Each structure stands twice: as structure tokens, then as C-alpha cells.
Amino acid sequence: MTRNTRRTSAAIIHGLLREMFGWIKRKITSTLRDGLNEWRDPQGEENPMACPEITIEGIDDAMYAKLMNEAVAGGAQFNGNIASIDGLTFDWNRDSVTQTLHITCLKKEFFITCKTVETKIRELVQKSKEAL
């Protein structure tokens, strides 16, 4: 192989590698930019939806009053069946006949999981039960 042939081969390989790495860089940059934009825009979730309903049985009048006091003391605000606290919005409905509380998280921050919401609600209920 002559010196010029080696230079030409090296130049071709160098050009192909530059083109390939340029494509990889553009692809990674594009993917990261898309991910960052989705992270910045929580309303941009692909499947925005409320959390599943949480059903809690055994909520008599005394227990419900205690729960309401605990919720309000924690910063919750109620407007009819809608409760809101710290950027979370809930449908909060109690059936006094069956003594069942139905809670559905309608709106939450994108980084808060439905499991976290349910855990916190169940902790509030347990705390109220222990206080009675």
C-alpha cells in the first residue's frame, strides 16, 4: 500500500467515524432534550390520570370528625367534596350509611406516585384511629 493510499483510507475512515459520532451525538442530545422538556412540563405526561379510588371502611361519625380535624390541621382545605392540600386535589366522599370513605386523588405533582398518596392517607386514618 502506498503512502497516498494509506492517507486516503485513513481520511475516509476518519470521515466515516466523524459522521457516525456526529449522528450519535445528535441522537443523544435530542433524546436528552425531549426528556428534559417532559420533565419540565408535568402536564405533558403521556397518560395523565387520577389515582385509583381509595376505599376505607369503618369510618363512623366520631372517626370522620377526627379525620377531618387531622386533615384541616395538616393544611387541607375543603370545598364541598373537593379537598386540596400541597398541590394535591382529592374527591373526598363519605357514605354515612355504610360508614365508608371514598377518596380519589384527582390532581397531583408528576413526581408523587399514587402509592405515596395512598400510603399517606392510610397513615392519616391510622393516626386518627389511634387517637380515638
N, C-alpha and C. Protein backbone atom coordinates (compact mmCIF):
# COMPACT_ATOMS: atom_id res chain seq x y z
N MET A 1 0.85 -1.16 0.00
CA MET A 1 0.00 0.00 0.00
C MET A 1 0.90 1.23 0.00
N THR A 2 0.57 2.16 -0.82
CA THR A 2 1.40 3.36 -0.90
C THR A 2 0.99 4.35 0.18
N ARG A 3 1.85 5.32 0.32
CA ARG A 3 1.62 6.34 1.34
C ARG A 3 0.34 7.12 1.06
N ASN A 4 0.07 7.48 -0.17
CA ASN A 4 -1.14 8.22 -0.54
C ASN A 4 -2.39 7.38 -0.33
N THR A 5 -2.30 6.07 -0.61
CA THR A 5 -3.44 5.18 -0.42
C THR A 5 -3.78 5.08 1.07
N ARG A 6 -2.74 5.00 1.90
CA ARG A 6 -2.98 4.94 3.34
C ARG A 6 -3.62 6.23 3.85
N ARG A 7 -3.14 7.38 3.34
CA ARG A 7 -3.73 8.65 3.74
C ARG A 7 -5.18 8.74 3.31
N THR A 8 -5.48 8.30 2.11
CA THR A 8 -6.86 8.34 1.60
C THR A 8 -7.74 7.41 2.42
N SER A 9 -7.25 6.21 2.71
CA SER A 9 -8.02 5.26 3.52
C SER A 9 -8.25 5.83 4.92
N ALA A 10 -7.22 6.40 5.50
CA ALA A 10 -7.34 6.99 6.84
C ALA A 10 -8.32 8.16 6.81
N ALA A 11 -8.29 8.96 5.77
CA ALA A 11 -9.20 10.10 5.65
C ALA A 11 -10.65 9.63 5.52
N ILE A 12 -10.85 8.57 4.76
CA ILE A 12 -12.20 8.01 4.58
C ILE A 12 -12.71 7.47 5.92
N ILE A 13 -11.86 6.68 6.60
CA ILE A 13 -12.26 6.12 7.89
C ILE A 13 -12.53 7.24 8.88
N HIS A 14 -11.65 8.24 8.90
CA HIS A 14 -11.83 9.37 9.80
C HIS A 14 -13.15 10.09 9.50
N GLY A 15 -13.45 10.30 8.24
CA GLY A 15 -14.70 10.96 7.85
C GLY A 15 -15.93 10.15 8.26
N LEU A 16 -15.86 8.82 8.08
CA LEU A 16 -16.98 7.96 8.47
C LEU A 16 -17.19 7.97 9.98
N LEU A 17 -16.07 7.89 10.72
CA LEU A 17 -16.17 7.93 12.18
C LEU A 17 -16.74 9.26 12.66
N ARG A 18 -16.28 10.38 12.07
CA ARG A 18 -16.82 11.69 12.44
C ARG A 18 -18.31 11.78 12.17
N GLU A 19 -18.72 11.26 11.01
CA GLU A 19 -20.14 11.28 10.65
C GLU A 19 -20.96 10.41 11.61
N MET A 20 -20.41 9.22 11.94
CA MET A 20 -21.12 8.31 12.83
C MET A 20 -21.23 8.91 14.24
N PHE A 21 -20.13 9.45 14.78
CA PHE A 21 -20.18 10.05 16.10
C PHE A 21 -21.04 11.30 16.12
N GLY A 22 -21.06 12.04 15.03
CA GLY A 22 -21.94 13.21 14.93
C GLY A 22 -23.40 12.79 15.01
N TRP A 23 -23.75 11.70 14.32
CA TRP A 23 -25.13 11.20 14.37
C TRP A 23 -25.48 10.74 15.78
N ILE A 24 -24.55 10.01 16.42
CA ILE A 24 -24.79 9.54 17.79
C ILE A 24 -24.97 10.73 18.72
N LYS A 25 -24.14 11.75 18.61
CA LYS A 25 -24.24 12.93 19.45
C LYS A 25 -25.59 13.63 19.24
N ARG A 26 -26.02 13.78 17.99
CA ARG A 26 -27.31 14.42 17.72
C ARG A 26 -28.46 13.60 18.31
N LYS A 27 -28.37 12.28 18.20
CA LYS A 27 -29.42 11.41 18.72
C LYS A 27 -29.49 11.51 20.24
N ILE A 28 -28.37 11.45 20.92
CA ILE A 28 -28.33 11.55 22.37
C ILE A 28 -28.84 12.93 22.82
N THR A 29 -28.37 13.98 22.17
CA THR A 29 -28.80 15.33 22.52
C THR A 29 -30.31 15.49 22.35
N SER A 30 -30.83 14.97 21.26
CA SER A 30 -32.27 15.05 21.00
C SER A 30 -33.06 14.29 22.06
N THR A 31 -32.60 13.09 22.41
CA THR A 31 -33.28 12.28 23.41
C THR A 31 -33.26 12.97 24.77
N LEU A 32 -32.10 13.52 25.15
CA LEU A 32 -31.99 14.23 26.43
C LEU A 32 -32.87 15.47 26.45
N ARG A 33 -32.88 16.22 25.35
CA ARG A 33 -33.70 17.43 25.27
C ARG A 33 -35.18 17.09 25.41
N ASP A 34 -35.63 16.02 24.73
CA ASP A 34 -37.03 15.60 24.83
C ASP A 34 -37.37 15.19 26.25
N GLY A 35 -36.47 14.44 26.88
CA GLY A 35 -36.70 14.02 28.26
C GLY A 35 -36.75 15.19 29.22
N LEU A 36 -35.87 16.16 29.02
CA LEU A 36 -35.86 17.35 29.87
C LEU A 36 -37.14 18.15 29.69
N ASN A 37 -37.60 18.30 28.46
CA ASN A 37 -38.84 19.03 28.22
C ASN A 37 -40.03 18.34 28.87
N GLU A 38 -40.08 17.02 28.85
CA GLU A 38 -41.16 16.28 29.51
C GLU A 38 -41.06 16.46 31.01
N TRP A 39 -39.84 16.50 31.55
CA TRP A 39 -39.66 16.66 32.98
C TRP A 39 -40.11 18.06 33.41
N ARG A 40 -39.82 19.07 32.60
CA ARG A 40 -40.21 20.43 32.93
C ARG A 40 -41.71 20.64 32.84
N ASP A 41 -42.39 19.86 32.01
CA ASP A 41 -43.82 20.05 31.78
C ASP A 41 -44.59 18.84 32.29
N PRO A 42 -44.97 18.84 33.58
CA PRO A 42 -45.68 17.68 34.12
C PRO A 42 -47.03 17.45 33.46
N GLN A 43 -47.61 18.49 32.86
CA GLN A 43 -48.88 18.31 32.16
C GLN A 43 -48.66 17.56 30.84
N GLY A 44 -47.41 17.41 30.46
CA GLY A 44 -47.09 16.72 29.22
C GLY A 44 -46.98 15.22 29.37
N GLU A 45 -47.42 14.68 30.49
CA GLU A 45 -47.38 13.24 30.67
C GLU A 45 -48.21 12.57 29.59
N GLU A 46 -47.76 11.40 29.17
CA GLU A 46 -48.47 10.70 28.11
C GLU A 46 -49.85 10.25 28.54
N ASN A 47 -49.99 9.81 29.77
CA ASN A 47 -51.27 9.30 30.25
C ASN A 47 -51.66 9.97 31.56
N PRO A 48 -51.95 11.28 31.54
CA PRO A 48 -52.33 11.92 32.80
C PRO A 48 -53.68 11.38 33.26
N MET A 49 -53.72 10.91 34.50
CA MET A 49 -54.98 10.38 35.02
C MET A 49 -54.96 10.45 36.53
N ALA A 50 -56.15 10.41 37.09
CA ALA A 50 -56.26 10.40 38.54
C ALA A 50 -55.80 9.05 39.08
N CYS A 51 -55.50 9.06 40.35
CA CYS A 51 -55.14 7.80 41.01
C CYS A 51 -56.41 6.98 41.23
N PRO A 52 -56.26 5.68 41.41
CA PRO A 52 -57.43 4.83 41.71
C PRO A 52 -58.07 5.25 43.03
N GLU A 53 -59.35 5.01 43.14
CA GLU A 53 -60.08 5.35 44.36
C GLU A 53 -59.56 4.54 45.54
N ILE A 54 -59.46 5.21 46.68
CA ILE A 54 -59.08 4.56 47.93
C ILE A 54 -60.36 4.43 48.75
N THR A 55 -60.68 3.23 49.15
CA THR A 55 -61.89 2.98 49.93
C THR A 55 -61.49 2.55 51.33
N ILE A 56 -62.02 3.27 52.33
CA ILE A 56 -61.69 2.96 53.72
C ILE A 56 -63.00 2.72 54.46
N GLU A 57 -63.13 1.54 55.00
CA GLU A 57 -64.36 1.17 55.71
C GLU A 57 -64.22 1.40 57.20
N GLY A 58 -65.35 1.42 57.91
CA GLY A 58 -65.34 1.57 59.36
C GLY A 58 -65.14 3.01 59.81
N ILE A 59 -65.60 3.94 59.00
CA ILE A 59 -65.46 5.36 59.35
C ILE A 59 -66.79 5.86 59.91
N ASP A 60 -66.94 5.72 61.23
CA ASP A 60 -68.17 6.21 61.87
C ASP A 60 -68.08 7.73 62.04
N ASP A 61 -69.13 8.32 62.66
CA ASP A 61 -69.17 9.78 62.78
C ASP A 61 -67.99 10.33 63.58
N ALA A 62 -67.64 9.68 64.69
CA ALA A 62 -66.53 10.15 65.52
C ALA A 62 -65.21 10.06 64.76
N MET A 63 -65.02 8.96 64.06
CA MET A 63 -63.80 8.78 63.29
C MET A 63 -63.71 9.80 62.16
N TYR A 64 -64.83 10.05 61.49
CA TYR A 64 -64.84 11.02 60.40
C TYR A 64 -64.52 12.42 60.91
N ALA A 65 -65.09 12.79 62.05
CA ALA A 65 -64.80 14.10 62.64
C ALA A 65 -63.31 14.22 62.97
N LYS A 66 -62.74 13.16 63.51
CA LYS A 66 -61.32 13.15 63.84
C LYS A 66 -60.47 13.27 62.58
N LEU A 67 -60.83 12.54 61.53
CA LEU A 67 -60.11 12.62 60.25
C LEU A 67 -60.16 14.03 59.68
N MET A 68 -61.34 14.64 59.72
CA MET A 68 -61.49 16.00 59.20
C MET A 68 -60.61 16.97 59.99
N ASN A 69 -60.60 16.83 61.32
CA ASN A 69 -59.76 17.70 62.15
C ASN A 69 -58.28 17.52 61.82
N GLU A 70 -57.85 16.26 61.66
CA GLU A 70 -56.46 15.97 61.31
C GLU A 70 -56.10 16.57 59.95
N ALA A 71 -57.00 16.41 58.98
CA ALA A 71 -56.75 16.92 57.63
C ALA A 71 -56.64 18.44 57.64
N VAL A 72 -57.58 19.11 58.31
CA VAL A 72 -57.56 20.57 58.37
C VAL A 72 -56.32 21.06 59.13
N ALA A 73 -55.97 20.37 60.22
CA ALA A 73 -54.77 20.73 60.97
C ALA A 73 -53.51 20.57 60.11
N GLY A 74 -53.56 19.64 59.17
CA GLY A 74 -52.43 19.41 58.27
C GLY A 74 -52.40 20.36 57.09
N GLY A 75 -53.40 21.24 56.99
CA GLY A 75 -53.40 22.24 55.92
C GLY A 75 -54.40 21.99 54.81
N ALA A 76 -55.23 20.97 54.93
CA ALA A 76 -56.21 20.67 53.88
C ALA A 76 -57.32 21.72 53.89
N GLN A 77 -57.80 22.04 52.70
CA GLN A 77 -58.93 22.95 52.54
C GLN A 77 -60.03 22.19 51.82
N PHE A 78 -61.26 22.36 52.31
CA PHE A 78 -62.40 21.64 51.75
C PHE A 78 -63.38 22.60 51.11
N ASN A 79 -63.88 22.19 49.95
CA ASN A 79 -64.92 22.92 49.24
C ASN A 79 -65.90 21.88 48.75
N GLY A 80 -66.91 21.60 49.55
CA GLY A 80 -67.83 20.51 49.22
C GLY A 80 -67.10 19.19 49.33
N ASN A 81 -67.16 18.38 48.27
CA ASN A 81 -66.47 17.08 48.26
C ASN A 81 -65.04 17.17 47.72
N ILE A 82 -64.58 18.37 47.45
CA ILE A 82 -63.23 18.54 46.92
C ILE A 82 -62.31 19.04 48.04
N ALA A 83 -61.22 18.33 48.22
CA ALA A 83 -60.22 18.71 49.22
C ALA A 83 -58.91 19.00 48.50
N SER A 84 -58.17 19.97 49.00
CA SER A 84 -56.86 20.26 48.40
C SER A 84 -55.85 20.53 49.50
N ILE A 85 -54.64 20.06 49.24
CA ILE A 85 -53.53 20.27 50.17
C ILE A 85 -52.22 20.10 49.41
N ASP A 86 -51.34 21.06 49.57
CA ASP A 86 -49.98 20.99 49.00
C ASP A 86 -49.96 20.59 47.52
N GLY A 87 -50.81 21.19 46.70
CA GLY A 87 -50.81 20.90 45.27
C GLY A 87 -51.56 19.64 44.87
N LEU A 88 -52.13 18.94 45.83
CA LEU A 88 -52.92 17.73 45.57
C LEU A 88 -54.40 18.09 45.64
N THR A 89 -55.21 17.50 44.78
CA THR A 89 -56.65 17.70 44.81
C THR A 89 -57.33 16.35 44.89
N PHE A 90 -58.31 16.25 45.79
CA PHE A 90 -58.99 14.99 46.04
C PHE A 90 -60.50 15.14 45.93
N ASP A 91 -61.14 14.09 45.47
CA ASP A 91 -62.58 13.93 45.64
C ASP A 91 -62.71 13.15 46.94
N TRP A 92 -63.40 13.71 47.91
CA TRP A 92 -63.44 13.17 49.28
C TRP A 92 -64.91 12.98 49.60
N ASN A 93 -65.37 11.74 49.70
CA ASN A 93 -66.79 11.48 49.86
C ASN A 93 -67.01 10.36 50.87
N ARG A 94 -67.88 10.62 51.85
CA ARG A 94 -68.16 9.61 52.87
C ARG A 94 -69.62 9.18 52.78
N ASP A 95 -69.82 7.89 52.80
CA ASP A 95 -71.16 7.31 52.85
C ASP A 95 -71.44 6.98 54.31
N SER A 96 -72.30 7.79 54.95
CA SER A 96 -72.55 7.61 56.39
C SER A 96 -73.34 6.34 56.69
N VAL A 97 -74.11 5.85 55.71
CA VAL A 97 -74.89 4.63 55.92
C VAL A 97 -73.97 3.41 56.02
N THR A 98 -73.05 3.29 55.07
CA THR A 98 -72.13 2.15 55.07
C THR A 98 -70.84 2.43 55.84
N GLN A 99 -70.71 3.67 56.34
CA GLN A 99 -69.53 4.12 57.07
C GLN A 99 -68.25 3.88 56.26
N THR A 100 -68.32 4.29 55.00
CA THR A 100 -67.20 4.11 54.08
C THR A 100 -66.76 5.46 53.55
N LEU A 101 -65.44 5.66 53.54
CA LEU A 101 -64.86 6.88 53.00
C LEU A 101 -64.25 6.54 51.64
N HIS A 102 -64.62 7.33 50.62
CA HIS A 102 -64.09 7.16 49.26
C HIS A 102 -63.23 8.37 48.95
N ILE A 103 -61.97 8.14 48.62
CA ILE A 103 -61.04 9.23 48.32
C ILE A 103 -60.37 8.92 46.97
N THR A 104 -60.43 9.91 46.08
CA THR A 104 -59.75 9.78 44.79
C THR A 104 -58.86 11.00 44.58
N CYS A 105 -57.58 10.77 44.34
CA CYS A 105 -56.67 11.87 44.04
C CYS A 105 -56.90 12.27 42.59
N LEU A 106 -57.39 13.49 42.38
CA LEU A 106 -57.71 13.97 41.04
C LEU A 106 -56.53 14.67 40.38
N LYS A 107 -55.68 15.29 41.19
CA LYS A 107 -54.55 16.05 40.65
C LYS A 107 -53.38 15.94 41.62
N LYS A 108 -52.20 15.69 41.06
CA LYS A 108 -51.00 15.59 41.89
C LYS A 108 -49.80 16.02 41.08
N GLU A 109 -48.72 16.32 41.76
CA GLU A 109 -47.48 16.63 41.08
C GLU A 109 -46.98 15.35 40.39
N PHE A 110 -46.32 15.51 39.27
CA PHE A 110 -45.93 14.35 38.48
C PHE A 110 -44.94 13.44 39.20
N PHE A 111 -44.20 13.96 40.14
CA PHE A 111 -43.20 13.14 40.83
C PHE A 111 -43.75 12.41 42.05
N ILE A 112 -45.01 12.65 42.39
CA ILE A 112 -45.65 11.96 43.51
C ILE A 112 -46.42 10.77 42.95
N THR A 113 -46.13 9.59 43.45
CA THR A 113 -46.80 8.40 42.94
C THR A 113 -48.14 8.20 43.64
N CYS A 114 -49.02 7.48 42.98
CA CYS A 114 -50.32 7.15 43.58
C CYS A 114 -50.12 6.32 44.84
N LYS A 115 -49.11 5.48 44.85
CA LYS A 115 -48.82 4.65 46.02
C LYS A 115 -48.45 5.54 47.22
N THR A 116 -47.68 6.59 46.98
CA THR A 116 -47.31 7.51 48.04
C THR A 116 -48.55 8.22 48.59
N VAL A 117 -49.44 8.64 47.71
CA VAL A 117 -50.68 9.29 48.12
C VAL A 117 -51.49 8.35 49.00
N GLU A 118 -51.66 7.12 48.55
CA GLU A 118 -52.45 6.15 49.31
C GLU A 118 -51.81 5.87 50.67
N THR A 119 -50.50 5.72 50.70
CA THR A 119 -49.80 5.46 51.96
C THR A 119 -50.02 6.59 52.96
N LYS A 120 -49.91 7.83 52.49
CA LYS A 120 -50.09 8.98 53.39
C LYS A 120 -51.53 9.04 53.91
N ILE A 121 -52.49 8.75 53.07
CA ILE A 121 -53.89 8.77 53.51
C ILE A 121 -54.13 7.68 54.54
N ARG A 122 -53.63 6.50 54.27
CA ARG A 122 -53.83 5.40 55.22
C ARG A 122 -53.11 5.68 56.55
N GLU A 123 -51.96 6.36 56.50
CA GLU A 123 -51.27 6.76 57.73
C GLU A 123 -52.12 7.75 58.52
N LEU A 124 -52.76 8.69 57.83
CA LEU A 124 -53.64 9.66 58.50
C LEU A 124 -54.81 8.94 59.18
N VAL A 125 -55.40 7.97 58.48
CA VAL A 125 -56.51 7.21 59.05
C VAL A 125 -56.04 6.44 60.28
N GLN A 126 -54.90 5.80 60.19
CA GLN A 126 -54.37 5.02 61.33
C GLN A 126 -54.08 5.94 62.51
N LYS A 127 -53.50 7.09 62.24
CA LYS A 127 -53.21 8.06 63.30
C LYS A 127 -54.50 8.51 63.98
N SER A 128 -55.52 8.73 63.20
CA SER A 128 -56.82 9.15 63.76
C SER A 128 -57.46 8.03 64.58
N LYS A 129 -57.34 6.81 64.11
CA LYS A 129 -57.89 5.67 64.86
C LYS A 129 -57.21 5.51 66.20
N GLU A 130 -55.89 5.67 66.21
CA GLU A 130 -55.13 5.53 67.44
C GLU A 130 -55.45 6.64 68.43
N ALA A 131 -55.84 7.81 67.91
CA ALA A 131 -56.12 8.96 68.78
C ALA A 131 -57.51 8.87 69.41
N LEU A 132 -58.38 8.00 68.90
CA LEU A 132 -59.73 7.89 69.46
C LEU A 132 -59.76 7.08 70.75
